[in-house]
Structure formats: structure tokens, C-alpha cells
N, C-alpha and C. Protein backbone atom coordinates (compact mmCIF):
# COMPACT_ATOMS: atom_id res chain seq x y z
N MET A 1 -29.50 -10.99 -34.16
CA MET A 1 -28.81 -9.90 -33.49
C MET A 1 -29.69 -9.56 -32.36
N ALA A 2 -31.00 -10.21 -32.16
CA ALA A 2 -31.68 -9.93 -31.03
C ALA A 2 -31.17 -10.92 -29.78
N GLN A 3 -30.48 -12.17 -30.23
CA GLN A 3 -29.91 -13.03 -29.23
C GLN A 3 -28.76 -12.53 -28.62
N LYS A 4 -27.96 -11.63 -29.31
CA LYS A 4 -26.62 -11.03 -28.76
C LYS A 4 -27.18 -10.31 -28.02
N ASP A 5 -28.01 -9.22 -28.34
CA ASP A 5 -28.37 -8.43 -27.31
C ASP A 5 -28.99 -8.80 -26.01
N ILE A 6 -29.66 -10.11 -25.89
CA ILE A 6 -30.17 -10.44 -24.72
C ILE A 6 -29.12 -11.14 -23.93
N ASP A 7 -27.97 -11.69 -24.47
CA ASP A 7 -26.83 -12.10 -23.97
C ASP A 7 -25.94 -11.06 -22.90
N ILE A 8 -26.00 -9.87 -23.63
CA ILE A 8 -25.18 -8.76 -23.41
C ILE A 8 -25.93 -8.13 -22.30
N LYS A 9 -27.24 -8.03 -22.06
CA LYS A 9 -28.09 -7.75 -21.12
C LYS A 9 -27.94 -8.74 -20.04
N LYS A 10 -27.60 -9.97 -20.15
CA LYS A 10 -27.49 -10.85 -19.17
C LYS A 10 -26.03 -10.72 -18.20
N ILE A 11 -25.38 -10.50 -19.33
CA ILE A 11 -23.89 -10.29 -18.54
C ILE A 11 -23.70 -8.86 -18.03
N LYS A 12 -24.40 -7.64 -18.55
CA LYS A 12 -24.50 -6.65 -17.85
C LYS A 12 -25.30 -6.83 -16.32
N GLU A 13 -26.53 -7.67 -16.35
CA GLU A 13 -27.17 -7.88 -15.19
C GLU A 13 -26.21 -8.63 -14.22
N LEU A 14 -25.53 -9.56 -14.81
CA LEU A 14 -24.42 -10.32 -13.64
C LEU A 14 -23.38 -9.34 -13.18
N ILE A 15 -22.73 -8.47 -13.90
CA ILE A 15 -21.98 -7.43 -13.59
C ILE A 15 -22.62 -6.53 -12.18
N GLU A 16 -23.75 -6.32 -12.63
CA GLU A 16 -24.56 -5.77 -11.44
C GLU A 16 -24.67 -6.25 -10.11
N ILE A 17 -24.84 -7.83 -10.10
CA ILE A 17 -25.06 -8.72 -9.08
C ILE A 17 -23.61 -8.60 -8.49
N MET A 18 -22.66 -8.82 -9.27
CA MET A 18 -20.99 -8.89 -8.49
C MET A 18 -21.17 -7.81 -7.76
N LYS A 19 -21.23 -6.66 -8.59
CA LYS A 19 -20.82 -4.93 -7.67
C LYS A 19 -21.82 -5.09 -6.44
N GLN A 20 -22.99 -5.32 -6.45
CA GLN A 20 -23.91 -5.42 -5.14
C GLN A 20 -23.88 -6.37 -4.17
N ASN A 21 -22.79 -7.48 -4.67
CA ASN A 21 -22.56 -8.33 -3.43
C ASN A 21 -21.24 -8.22 -3.39
N GLY A 22 -20.58 -7.51 -3.68
CA GLY A 22 -18.93 -7.34 -3.77
C GLY A 22 -18.27 -8.83 -3.84
N LEU A 23 -18.34 -9.09 -4.96
CA LEU A 23 -17.89 -10.42 -5.64
C LEU A 23 -16.77 -10.03 -6.33
N GLU A 24 -15.69 -10.78 -6.74
CA GLU A 24 -14.72 -10.64 -7.45
C GLU A 24 -14.52 -11.61 -8.70
N GLU A 25 -15.33 -12.73 -8.58
CA GLU A 25 -15.30 -13.60 -9.61
C GLU A 25 -16.76 -14.34 -9.58
N LEU A 26 -17.20 -14.70 -10.79
CA LEU A 26 -18.50 -14.96 -10.81
C LEU A 26 -18.32 -16.37 -12.06
N GLU A 27 -18.43 -17.47 -11.83
CA GLU A 27 -18.76 -18.41 -12.99
C GLU A 27 -19.77 -19.51 -13.25
N ILE A 28 -20.50 -19.08 -14.11
CA ILE A 28 -21.70 -20.01 -14.04
C ILE A 28 -21.54 -21.03 -15.48
N LYS A 29 -21.79 -22.31 -15.30
CA LYS A 29 -21.93 -23.35 -16.11
C LYS A 29 -23.60 -23.88 -16.57
N GLN A 30 -24.01 -23.78 -17.46
CA GLN A 30 -25.42 -24.43 -17.85
C GLN A 30 -25.12 -25.26 -19.47
N ASP A 31 -25.23 -26.65 -19.21
CA ASP A 31 -25.26 -27.24 -20.34
C ASP A 31 -23.77 -27.19 -20.63
N ASP A 32 -23.49 -26.97 -22.18
CA ASP A 32 -22.29 -26.49 -22.50
C ASP A 32 -21.86 -25.26 -22.80
N ASP A 33 -22.56 -24.26 -22.28
CA ASP A 33 -22.49 -22.71 -22.15
C ASP A 33 -21.73 -22.52 -20.53
N LYS A 34 -20.64 -21.55 -20.87
CA LYS A 34 -19.59 -21.56 -19.47
C LYS A 34 -19.61 -19.83 -19.56
N ILE A 35 -19.93 -18.97 -18.56
CA ILE A 35 -19.54 -17.50 -18.58
C ILE A 35 -18.59 -17.36 -17.18
N TYR A 36 -17.63 -16.61 -17.58
CA TYR A 36 -16.61 -16.63 -16.42
C TYR A 36 -16.07 -15.04 -16.36
N LEU A 37 -16.78 -14.49 -14.99
CA LEU A 37 -16.44 -12.82 -15.17
C LEU A 37 -15.63 -12.42 -13.67
N LYS A 38 -14.65 -11.71 -14.04
CA LYS A 38 -13.78 -11.64 -12.82
C LYS A 38 -13.53 -9.93 -13.19
N ARG A 39 -13.42 -9.47 -11.72
CA ARG A 39 -13.53 -7.92 -11.74
C ARG A 39 -12.00 -7.45 -11.15
N CYS A 40 -11.59 -6.83 -11.73
CA CYS A 40 -10.21 -6.31 -11.59
C CYS A 40 -10.17 -4.90 -10.97
N GLN A 41 -9.59 -4.81 -9.96
CA GLN A 41 -9.39 -3.68 -8.68
C GLN A 41 -8.66 -2.85 -9.67
N PRO A 42 -8.89 -1.37 -9.48
CA PRO A 42 -8.10 -0.28 -10.07
C PRO A 42 -6.54 -0.13 -9.60
N HIS A 43 -5.53 0.06 -9.94
CA HIS A 43 -4.32 0.44 -9.58
C HIS A 43 -4.55 1.25 -8.00
N PRO A 44 -3.94 1.14 -7.11
CA PRO A 44 -3.94 1.38 -5.79
C PRO A 44 -3.23 2.83 -6.04
N PRO A 45 -3.28 3.73 -5.23
CA PRO A 45 -2.55 5.38 -5.35
C PRO A 45 -1.16 5.08 -5.27
N ALA A 46 -0.80 5.70 -5.72
CA ALA A 46 1.13 5.81 -6.03
C ALA A 46 1.87 5.68 -4.67
N LEU A 47 0.65 6.38 -3.60
CA LEU A 47 1.36 6.32 -2.30
C LEU A 47 0.33 6.59 -1.23
N THR A 48 0.43 6.66 -0.09
CA THR A 48 -0.18 6.67 0.93
C THR A 48 0.68 7.22 2.25
N ALA A 49 0.52 8.35 2.53
CA ALA A 49 1.15 8.79 3.53
C ALA A 49 0.16 9.15 4.49
N LEU A 50 0.18 9.04 5.80
CA LEU A 50 -0.65 8.89 6.83
C LEU A 50 -0.07 9.73 8.23
N PRO A 51 -0.49 10.60 8.67
CA PRO A 51 0.26 11.10 9.89
C PRO A 51 -0.20 10.25 10.65
N ILE A 52 0.87 10.08 11.93
CA ILE A 52 0.94 9.15 13.11
C ILE A 52 0.41 9.93 14.30
N THR A 53 -0.26 10.06 14.63
CA THR A 53 -0.86 11.14 15.97
C THR A 53 0.04 10.35 17.08
N LYS A 54 0.33 11.42 17.97
CA LYS A 54 0.92 10.86 19.41
C LYS A 54 -0.27 10.69 20.38
N GLN A 55 -0.02 9.41 21.06
CA GLN A 55 -1.08 8.76 22.11
C GLN A 55 -0.73 9.21 23.51
N GLN A 56 -1.69 9.68 23.89
CA GLN A 56 -1.66 10.41 25.20
C GLN A 56 -1.75 9.11 26.34
N VAL A 57 -0.09 8.48 26.93
CA VAL A 57 -0.04 7.57 27.87
C VAL A 57 0.37 8.13 29.41
N GLY A 58 -0.46 7.92 30.45
CA GLY A 58 -0.14 8.13 31.84
C GLY A 58 1.01 7.36 31.97
N PRO A 59 1.47 7.16 33.37
CA PRO A 59 2.16 6.45 33.91
C PRO A 59 1.93 5.03 33.87
N ALA A 60 3.01 4.19 33.41
CA ALA A 60 2.52 2.80 33.70
C ALA A 60 1.98 2.35 34.92
N SER A 61 0.70 1.94 34.65
CA SER A 61 0.10 1.17 35.57
C SER A 61 -0.20 -0.04 35.52
N VAL A 62 -0.50 -1.15 36.33
CA VAL A 62 -0.32 -2.20 35.83
C VAL A 62 -1.77 -2.83 35.88
N GLY A 63 -2.27 -3.33 34.56
CA GLY A 63 -3.46 -3.88 34.27
C GLY A 63 -3.68 -5.05 34.42
N PRO A 64 -4.74 -5.76 33.85
CA PRO A 64 -4.98 -7.36 33.74
C PRO A 64 -3.80 -8.15 33.22
N ALA A 65 -3.70 -9.16 33.76
CA ALA A 65 -2.66 -10.08 33.45
C ALA A 65 -1.23 -9.42 33.59
N GLY A 66 -0.98 -8.65 34.35
CA GLY A 66 0.36 -8.04 34.69
C GLY A 66 0.77 -7.14 33.39
N THR A 67 0.02 -6.67 32.51
CA THR A 67 0.23 -5.93 31.62
C THR A 67 0.14 -4.20 32.00
N SER A 68 1.29 -3.64 31.38
CA SER A 68 1.02 -1.85 31.99
C SER A 68 0.30 -1.32 30.66
N ALA A 69 -0.06 -0.08 31.43
CA ALA A 69 -0.84 0.76 30.29
C ALA A 69 -0.11 0.81 29.02
N LEU A 70 1.12 1.30 29.06
CA LEU A 70 2.19 1.41 28.11
C LEU A 70 2.16 -0.02 27.04
N ASP A 71 2.39 -0.81 27.87
CA ASP A 71 2.05 -2.19 26.74
C ASP A 71 0.76 -2.11 26.03
N GLN A 72 -0.31 -1.98 26.73
CA GLN A 72 -1.63 -2.18 25.88
C GLN A 72 -1.57 -1.02 25.23
N ALA A 73 -1.02 0.34 25.12
CA ALA A 73 -1.26 1.16 24.30
C ALA A 73 -0.38 1.36 23.36
N GLY A 74 0.82 0.67 23.32
CA GLY A 74 1.79 0.66 22.28
C GLY A 74 2.73 1.56 22.62
N ALA A 75 3.65 1.35 21.73
CA ALA A 75 4.82 2.70 22.04
C ALA A 75 3.99 3.88 21.80
N VAL A 76 4.49 5.17 22.45
CA VAL A 76 4.11 6.51 22.13
C VAL A 76 4.79 7.03 20.37
N GLN A 77 4.17 7.06 19.57
CA GLN A 77 4.67 8.03 18.35
C GLN A 77 5.06 9.33 18.49
N GLN A 78 5.78 9.99 17.69
CA GLN A 78 6.35 11.05 17.80
C GLN A 78 5.16 11.76 16.49
N GLU A 79 4.96 13.35 17.06
CA GLU A 79 4.25 13.65 16.21
C GLU A 79 4.87 14.24 14.72
N ASP A 80 4.37 14.77 13.62
CA ASP A 80 4.49 15.24 12.55
C ASP A 80 5.61 13.96 11.75
N ILE A 81 5.24 12.61 12.04
CA ILE A 81 6.11 11.88 11.44
C ILE A 81 4.86 11.08 10.18
N VAL A 82 5.22 10.88 9.19
CA VAL A 82 4.58 10.01 8.12
C VAL A 82 5.16 9.06 7.66
N GLU A 83 4.43 8.34 7.12
CA GLU A 83 5.05 6.68 6.42
C GLU A 83 4.83 6.88 4.99
N ILE A 84 5.65 6.61 4.51
CA ILE A 84 5.64 6.27 2.91
C ILE A 84 5.58 4.94 2.62
N LYS A 85 4.35 4.47 2.26
CA LYS A 85 4.05 2.93 2.20
C LYS A 85 4.22 2.52 0.81
N SER A 86 4.51 1.03 0.35
CA SER A 86 4.38 0.84 -0.73
C SER A 86 3.13 0.87 -1.43
N PRO A 87 3.01 1.41 -2.67
CA PRO A 87 1.77 1.32 -3.25
C PRO A 87 1.34 -0.18 -4.03
N ILE A 88 2.53 -1.02 -4.14
CA ILE A 88 2.28 -2.24 -4.87
C ILE A 88 2.97 -3.33 -4.33
N VAL A 89 2.93 -4.61 -4.65
CA VAL A 89 3.84 -5.57 -4.38
C VAL A 89 4.72 -5.53 -5.29
N GLY A 90 6.30 -6.15 -4.84
CA GLY A 90 7.29 -6.02 -5.69
C GLY A 90 8.42 -6.22 -5.05
N THR A 91 9.46 -5.74 -5.56
CA THR A 91 11.07 -5.93 -5.17
C THR A 91 11.59 -4.42 -4.81
N PHE A 92 11.80 -4.08 -3.49
CA PHE A 92 12.47 -2.53 -3.52
C PHE A 92 14.00 -2.57 -3.84
N TYR A 93 14.09 -1.42 -4.73
CA TYR A 93 15.30 -0.86 -4.89
C TYR A 93 15.87 0.10 -4.22
N ALA A 94 16.51 0.58 -3.90
CA ALA A 94 16.89 1.70 -3.04
C ALA A 94 17.78 2.77 -3.81
N LYS A 95 18.22 2.19 -5.09
CA LYS A 95 19.04 2.81 -5.93
C LYS A 95 18.77 2.68 -7.58
N PRO A 96 19.09 3.41 -8.51
CA PRO A 96 18.79 3.16 -9.92
C PRO A 96 19.42 2.05 -10.40
N SER A 97 20.98 1.59 -10.06
CA SER A 97 21.41 0.69 -10.52
C SER A 97 22.41 0.29 -9.37
N PRO A 98 22.68 -0.86 -9.52
CA PRO A 98 23.68 -1.27 -8.19
C PRO A 98 24.89 -0.78 -7.95
N ASP A 99 25.83 -0.11 -9.20
CA ASP A 99 26.67 0.73 -8.72
C ASP A 99 26.32 2.18 -8.38
N SER A 100 25.12 2.58 -8.59
CA SER A 100 24.90 3.98 -7.99
C SER A 100 24.19 4.26 -6.56
N GLU A 101 24.43 5.45 -6.37
CA GLU A 101 24.26 5.96 -4.69
C GLU A 101 22.69 5.70 -4.42
N PRO A 102 22.34 5.50 -3.26
CA PRO A 102 20.80 5.48 -3.18
C PRO A 102 20.16 6.68 -3.10
N TYR A 103 18.95 6.62 -3.54
CA TYR A 103 18.04 7.92 -3.83
C TYR A 103 18.06 8.82 -2.48
N VAL A 104 17.81 7.75 -1.40
CA VAL A 104 17.92 8.46 0.16
C VAL A 104 18.15 7.63 1.12
N GLU A 105 18.50 8.29 1.77
CA GLU A 105 19.38 7.70 3.01
C GLU A 105 18.36 8.69 4.36
N THR A 106 18.87 7.86 5.82
CA THR A 106 18.57 8.69 6.90
C THR A 106 19.12 9.71 6.81
N ALA A 107 18.44 10.88 7.34
CA ALA A 107 18.72 12.39 7.47
C ALA A 107 18.72 13.01 5.81
N SER A 108 18.06 12.17 4.87
CA SER A 108 17.88 13.05 3.55
C SER A 108 16.82 13.87 3.69
N THR A 109 16.66 15.03 3.13
CA THR A 109 15.74 15.97 2.94
C THR A 109 15.09 15.57 1.48
N VAL A 110 13.55 15.69 1.62
CA VAL A 110 12.90 15.12 0.30
C VAL A 110 11.82 16.31 0.59
N SER A 111 11.09 16.27 -0.94
CA SER A 111 10.07 16.77 -1.54
C SER A 111 8.95 16.06 -1.69
N PRO A 112 8.09 16.73 -2.27
CA PRO A 112 6.95 15.52 -2.83
C PRO A 112 7.19 15.33 -4.04
N GLN A 113 8.26 15.79 -5.01
CA GLN A 113 8.65 15.15 -5.83
C GLN A 113 9.82 14.46 -5.91
N THR A 114 10.60 14.37 -4.89
CA THR A 114 11.77 13.57 -4.65
C THR A 114 11.64 11.85 -4.90
N ILE A 115 12.10 11.48 -5.80
CA ILE A 115 12.13 9.72 -6.05
C ILE A 115 12.72 9.33 -4.82
N VAL A 116 12.15 8.34 -4.17
CA VAL A 116 12.81 7.52 -2.60
C VAL A 116 13.41 6.36 -2.93
N CYS A 117 12.77 5.80 -3.98
CA CYS A 117 12.88 4.47 -4.48
C CYS A 117 12.46 3.64 -5.55
N ILE A 118 12.54 2.72 -5.87
CA ILE A 118 11.92 1.92 -7.22
C ILE A 118 11.42 0.53 -6.58
N ILE A 119 10.53 0.30 -7.01
CA ILE A 119 9.89 -1.04 -6.85
C ILE A 119 9.32 -1.29 -8.18
N GLU A 120 10.07 -2.76 -8.26
CA GLU A 120 9.62 -3.81 -9.44
C GLU A 120 8.69 -4.42 -9.39
N ALA A 121 7.95 -4.46 -10.37
CA ALA A 121 6.59 -5.47 -9.94
C ALA A 121 6.29 -5.83 -11.65
N MET A 122 6.33 -6.99 -11.78
CA MET A 122 6.03 -7.61 -13.01
C MET A 122 7.13 -7.19 -14.02
N LYS A 123 8.35 -7.11 -13.78
CA LYS A 123 9.36 -6.29 -14.86
C LYS A 123 9.26 -4.82 -15.06
N VAL A 124 8.34 -4.39 -14.21
CA VAL A 124 8.16 -2.50 -14.82
C VAL A 124 8.99 -2.15 -13.57
N MET A 125 9.71 -1.05 -13.87
CA MET A 125 10.16 -0.37 -12.66
C MET A 125 9.43 0.82 -12.20
N ASN A 126 8.81 0.76 -10.94
CA ASN A 126 7.81 2.02 -10.79
C ASN A 126 8.70 2.79 -9.83
N GLU A 127 8.72 4.05 -10.00
CA GLU A 127 9.61 5.11 -9.23
C GLU A 127 8.56 5.30 -8.43
N ILE A 128 8.89 5.67 -6.96
CA ILE A 128 8.09 6.04 -5.80
C ILE A 128 8.59 7.23 -5.30
N LYS A 129 7.62 8.70 -5.44
CA LYS A 129 7.86 9.56 -4.69
C LYS A 129 7.81 9.63 -3.48
N ALA A 130 8.43 10.87 -2.82
CA ALA A 130 7.81 10.85 -1.42
C ALA A 130 6.49 11.41 -1.14
N GLU A 131 6.02 12.51 -2.21
CA GLU A 131 4.88 13.36 -1.89
C GLU A 131 4.61 13.94 -0.80
N VAL A 132 5.88 14.38 0.13
CA VAL A 132 5.70 15.11 1.07
C VAL A 132 7.28 15.51 1.21
N SER A 133 7.19 16.93 2.12
CA SER A 133 8.38 17.51 2.37
C SER A 133 8.81 17.19 3.75
N GLY A 134 10.01 17.19 3.41
CA GLY A 134 10.44 16.58 5.25
C GLY A 134 12.14 15.97 5.34
N THR A 135 12.32 15.23 6.12
CA THR A 135 13.63 14.27 6.51
C THR A 135 13.43 13.13 6.57
N ILE A 136 13.70 12.22 6.10
CA ILE A 136 13.81 11.00 6.39
C ILE A 136 14.22 10.78 7.53
N VAL A 137 13.59 10.01 8.34
CA VAL A 137 14.02 9.51 9.89
C VAL A 137 14.54 8.03 9.82
N GLU A 138 13.76 7.21 8.76
CA GLU A 138 14.28 5.65 9.35
C GLU A 138 13.96 5.08 7.71
N SER A 139 14.57 4.23 7.49
CA SER A 139 14.20 3.24 6.30
C SER A 139 14.16 1.82 7.01
N LEU A 140 12.95 1.36 6.49
CA LEU A 140 12.64 -0.11 7.23
C LEU A 140 12.97 -1.12 6.14
N VAL A 141 13.15 -1.10 4.85
CA VAL A 141 13.37 -1.97 4.24
C VAL A 141 15.01 -1.80 3.68
N THR A 142 15.74 -3.09 3.02
CA THR A 142 16.74 -3.11 2.31
C THR A 142 16.53 -3.43 0.88
N ASP A 143 18.07 -2.76 0.08
CA ASP A 143 17.94 -3.07 -1.36
C ASP A 143 17.72 -4.61 -1.30
N GLY A 144 16.63 -4.87 -2.54
CA GLY A 144 16.46 -6.24 -3.01
C GLY A 144 15.55 -6.88 -2.29
N GLN A 145 14.64 -6.14 -1.38
CA GLN A 145 13.77 -7.03 -0.32
C GLN A 145 12.58 -6.96 -0.93
N ALA A 146 11.98 -8.12 -0.83
CA ALA A 146 10.45 -7.80 -1.36
C ALA A 146 9.54 -7.55 -0.40
N VAL A 147 8.60 -6.45 -1.30
CA VAL A 147 7.64 -5.52 -0.44
C VAL A 147 6.60 -5.80 -0.34
N GLU A 148 5.37 -5.72 0.32
CA GLU A 148 4.23 -5.95 0.01
C GLU A 148 3.28 -4.89 -0.12
N TYR A 149 2.23 -4.92 -0.72
CA TYR A 149 1.12 -3.52 -0.70
C TYR A 149 1.14 -2.90 0.87
N GLY A 150 1.48 -1.56 0.79
CA GLY A 150 1.02 -1.00 2.31
C GLY A 150 1.97 -1.18 3.24
N GLN A 151 3.00 -1.97 2.92
CA GLN A 151 4.18 -1.97 3.83
C GLN A 151 4.86 -0.82 3.97
N VAL A 152 5.03 -0.33 5.15
CA VAL A 152 5.89 0.94 5.20
C VAL A 152 7.36 0.72 4.80
N LEU A 153 7.94 2.04 4.02
CA LEU A 153 9.26 1.95 3.55
C LEU A 153 10.04 2.55 4.02
N PHE A 154 9.59 4.06 4.40
CA PHE A 154 10.30 4.96 4.84
C PHE A 154 9.13 5.71 6.02
N ARG A 155 10.38 6.59 6.98
CA ARG A 155 9.39 7.25 8.30
C ARG A 155 10.09 8.91 7.83
N VAL A 156 9.01 9.74 7.47
CA VAL A 156 9.65 11.00 7.25
C VAL A 156 8.94 12.13 8.42
N ARG A 157 10.03 12.66 8.78
CA ARG A 157 9.46 13.79 9.77
C ARG A 157 9.05 15.32 8.93
N LEU A 158 7.93 15.67 8.99
CA LEU A 158 7.67 16.54 8.11
C LEU A 158 7.93 17.92 8.71
N ASP A 159 8.33 19.03 7.56
CA ASP A 159 8.98 20.26 7.69
C ASP A 159 8.06 21.18 8.60
């Protein structure tokens, strides 16, 4: 029993070392013994909706290498627009079944509980909710398209 307590204590110490150093995996081999530890990240939040702020850009002035201030600052973003991003990696579905109508389209009004799409990940259908009130102004993915974590799916103008 004492040996088992020592082993558990050593494993806990290794876990602390992993946390302190930001390690995701650790493998230790000593003679015939082998310890393999892997930290699993918690599931990301269901939705990340961040406001896009308007950038102040003056008249286009030519800067270094012939680029204008507008080119350097990027396109001016509109106020009160938020992005609905994919909370997981998977396949985007705009409608609940192939013969159904899409959950939302451009100009659709949404509330925080409105389902905007489904993302299939590992054979699980995950309903994605708007989590904001507003109007869909842009859909950036197509039905059946593979999406990445954090990829923008929709842009919504807030009410």
C-alpha cells in the first residue's frame, strides 16, 4: 500500500510540473516502467460573439512601399456587428435535414436562443445558437462545408 501511495504522489507531482510548464503530454520511461500523461483541454464555450469595432481611417495617404493608409489599416468595419464563430471543428449544416429549410438566412432575425446551424463533430450533431439578438447580415459558410474552431460562420447586426 505504501508503494502505491508513493506512485500516486509522484504522478500528482508530474501533473503539477505539466501545469507549471504548459505541457500537454509527458512520457517517462525508466527500465521496464513507462508513464504517459496527457492533459485534455476543457470544451470551448458554445459561442464566441465579439463586437467588431469601427476603425478610424483618414483619407488614403500613400505610405511606405506605395501602400495607402486604408490598405494598412484594413477595411473599415461597421459598428454593432458581431461574429458567430464555430465553437468546434466539424461539418457545418445550415438545415436540420436535407429536405428542410435552413435555420437562418441573410436578413433573418435571431434571438439568443435561435438555432443558427448544426455542426457535426465525431458523429454528434451540435446545435449552435445565436446567443445575440439581431439580424443576420452575412453567412460565410455553405452547407456541408468543413469548419475550424473559431471560424466565422455568420455576421449579425445587433438590435
